C-alpha atoms as a PDB file:
ATOM      1  CA  MET A   1      98.992 114.322 120.539  1.00  0.00           C
ATOM      2  CA  GLY A   2      98.872 111.035 118.544  1.00  0.00           C
ATOM      3  CA  ALA A   3     100.236 110.156 115.180  1.00  0.00           C
ATOM      4  CA  ALA A   4      98.000 111.071 112.266  1.00  0.00           C
ATOM      5  CA  LYS A   5      96.288 107.982 110.683  1.00  0.00           C
ATOM      6  CA  LYS A   6      97.018 107.329 107.038  1.00  0.00           C
ATOM      7  CA  ASN A   7      93.968 106.409 105.043  1.00  0.00           C
ATOM      8  CA  LYS A   8      94.312 103.157 103.180  1.00  0.00           C
ATOM      9  CA  THR A   9      93.203 103.108  99.594  1.00  0.00           C
ATOM     10  CA  ILE A  10      92.406 100.197  97.189  1.00  0.00           C
ATOM     11  CA  GLU A  11      92.327 101.122  93.457  1.00  0.00           C
ATOM     12  CA  GLY A  12      92.208 104.728  94.401  1.00  0.00           C
ATOM     13  CA  GLN A  13      89.248 104.359  96.736  1.00  0.00           C
ATOM     14  CA  THR A  14      89.263 105.316 100.418  1.00  0.00           C
ATOM     15  CA  VAL A  15      88.561 102.376 102.689  1.00  0.00           C
ATOM     16  CA  ALA A  16      85.914 102.913 105.273  1.00  0.00           C
ATOM     17  CA  THR A  17      86.947 102.608 108.798  1.00  0.00           C
ATOM     18  CA  SER A  18      83.406 102.566 110.441  1.00  0.00           C
ATOM     19  CA  VAL A  19      81.340 100.018 108.850  1.00  0.00           C
ATOM     20  CA  LYS A  20      78.753  99.123 111.700  1.00  0.00           C
ATOM     21  CA  GLY A  21      76.154  96.635 110.527  1.00  0.00           C
ATOM     22  CA  LEU A  22      78.033  95.219 107.562  1.00  0.00           C
ATOM     23  CA  ALA A  23      79.590  91.879 107.279  1.00  0.00           C
ATOM     24  CA  THR A  24      83.461  92.286 107.767  1.00  0.00           C
ATOM     25  CA  GLY A  25      85.008  88.900 108.638  1.00  0.00           C
ATOM     26  CA  SER A  26      84.425  85.149 109.126  1.00  0.00           C
ATOM     27  CA  TRP A  27      86.034  81.998 110.293  1.00  0.00           C
ATOM     28  CA  THR A  28      85.000  78.745 108.949  1.00  0.00           C
ATOM     29  CA  ARG A  29      86.264  75.327 110.301  1.00  0.00           C
ATOM     30  CA  VAL A  30      87.776  72.794 107.890  1.00  0.00           C
ATOM     31  CA  ALA A  31      86.969  69.190 108.681  1.00  0.00           C
ATOM     32  CA  THR A  32      90.325  67.502 109.109  1.00  0.00           C
ATOM     33  CA  THR A  33      90.178  65.494 112.375  1.00  0.00           C
ATOM     34  CA  THR A  34      87.990  65.933 115.437  1.00  0.00           C
ATOM     35  CA  ALA A  35      90.931  67.077 117.466  1.00  0.00           C
ATOM     36  CA  GLU A  36      92.184  69.809 115.083  1.00  0.00           C
ATOM     37  CA  THR A  37      90.606  73.295 114.726  1.00  0.00           C
ATOM     38  CA  LYS A  38      91.911  74.385 111.406  1.00  0.00           C
ATOM     39  CA  GLY A  39      90.003  76.857 109.613  1.00  0.00           C
ATOM     40  CA  GLU A  40      89.658  79.369 106.718  1.00  0.00           C
ATOM     41  CA  THR A  41      89.406  83.145 107.468  1.00  0.00           C
ATOM     42  CA  ALA A  42      87.781  85.820 105.252  1.00  0.00           C
ATOM     43  CA  HIS A  43      87.476  89.604 105.517  1.00  0.00           C
ATOM     44  CA  THR A  44      85.791  92.289 103.520  1.00  0.00           C
ATOM     45  CA  LEU A  45      86.667  96.024 103.104  1.00  0.00           C
ATOM     46  CA  TYR A  46      84.371  98.682 101.942  1.00  0.00           C
ATOM     47  CA  ASP A  47      84.889 102.164 100.503  1.00  0.00           C
ATOM     48  CA  VAL A  48      83.447 105.243 102.117  1.00  0.00           C
ATOM     49  CA  LYS A  49      79.986 104.827 100.411  1.00  0.00           C
ATOM     50  CA  TYR A  50      79.868 101.165 101.714  1.00  0.00           C
ATOM     51  CA  HIS A  51      80.631  99.465  98.096  1.00  0.00           C
ATOM     52  CA  LEU A  52      82.602  96.360  98.505  1.00  0.00           C
ATOM     53  CA  VAL A  53      86.234  97.027  97.344  1.00  0.00           C
ATOM     54  CA  ARG A  54      88.215  94.013  98.658  1.00  0.00           C
ATOM     55  CA  THR A  55      87.606  90.453  99.700  1.00  0.00           C
ATOM     56  CA  HIS A  56      90.392  88.421 101.251  1.00  0.00           C
ATOM     57  CA  ASN A  57      90.244  84.609 101.949  1.00  0.00           C
ATOM     58  CA  LYS A  58      93.018  82.889 103.728  1.00  0.00           C
ATOM     59  CA  ASN A  59      92.954  78.963 103.736  1.00  0.00           C
ATOM     60  CA  TYR A  60      94.348  76.859 106.436  1.00  0.00           C
ATOM     61  CA  LEU A  61      97.474  75.757 104.482  1.00  0.00           C
ATOM     62  CA  GLY A  62      98.489  79.351 104.380  1.00  0.00           C
ATOM     63  CA  GLY A  63      97.478  80.259 100.764  1.00  0.00           C
ATOM     64  CA  TYR A  64      95.160  83.033 100.034  1.00  0.00           C
ATOM     65  CA  THR A  65      93.021  84.785  97.331  1.00  0.00           C
ATOM     66  CA  TYR A  66      91.871  88.348  97.389  1.00  0.00           C
ATOM     67  CA  THR A  67      89.889  90.380  94.950  1.00  0.00           C
ATOM     68  CA  ASP A  68      89.938  94.152  94.527  1.00  0.00           C
ATOM     69  CA  SER A  69      87.146  95.863  92.650  1.00  0.00           C
ATOM     70  CA  LYS A  70      87.016  99.492  91.235  1.00  0.00           C
ATOM     71  CA  VAL A  71      83.643 100.801  91.633  1.00  0.00           C
ATOM     72  CA  ASP A  72      82.178 103.913  89.942  1.00  0.00           C
ATOM     73  CA  ALA A  73      81.584 106.494  92.540  1.00  0.00           C
ATOM     74  CA  PHE A  74      78.347 107.649  91.042  1.00  0.00           C
ATOM     75  CA  THR A  75      76.585 104.669  89.703  1.00  0.00           C
ATOM     76  CA  GLY A  76      78.112 102.102  92.155  1.00  0.00           C
ATOM     77  CA  GLN A  77      78.690  99.580  89.322  1.00  0.00           C
ATOM     78  CA  VAL A  78      81.964  97.654  89.351  1.00  0.00           C
ATOM     79  CA  GLN A  79      84.314  98.919  86.617  1.00  0.00           C
ATOM     80  CA  TYR A  80      86.831  96.180  86.842  1.00  0.00           C
ATOM     81  CA  THR A  81      88.087  93.587  89.235  1.00  0.00           C
ATOM     82  CA  ILE A  82      91.644  92.241  89.888  1.00  0.00           C
ATOM     83  CA  GLU A  83      92.043  88.737  91.568  1.00  0.00           C
ATOM     84  CA  ARG A  84      95.340  87.574  93.094  1.00  0.00           C
ATOM     85  CA  HIS A  85      95.998  84.160  94.207  1.00  0.00           C
ATOM     86  CA  ARG A  86      98.922  82.441  96.111  1.00  0.00           C
ATOM     87  CA  ARG A  87      98.854  78.700  96.864  1.00  0.00           C
ATOM     88  CA  PHE A  88     100.982  76.704  99.258  1.00  0.00           C
END
């Protein structure tokens, strides 16, 4: 028997693990030189009702920005957002 998985939560909302058909990540090339393949990555997390609860963007220098959203479970409206940023 395997170990039990612990559900991740963001702002008290359980993160969905099966999000077939939704955009979950991307990689964008940053134009530096023709030989370099530096890029920025982004990923998105959803709650169990498929409301967007976190976006995380990491730049090619190592800095990042992520935004957490608290969504009303009944109406689906955003109650508040928290943005965190780190620059290198």
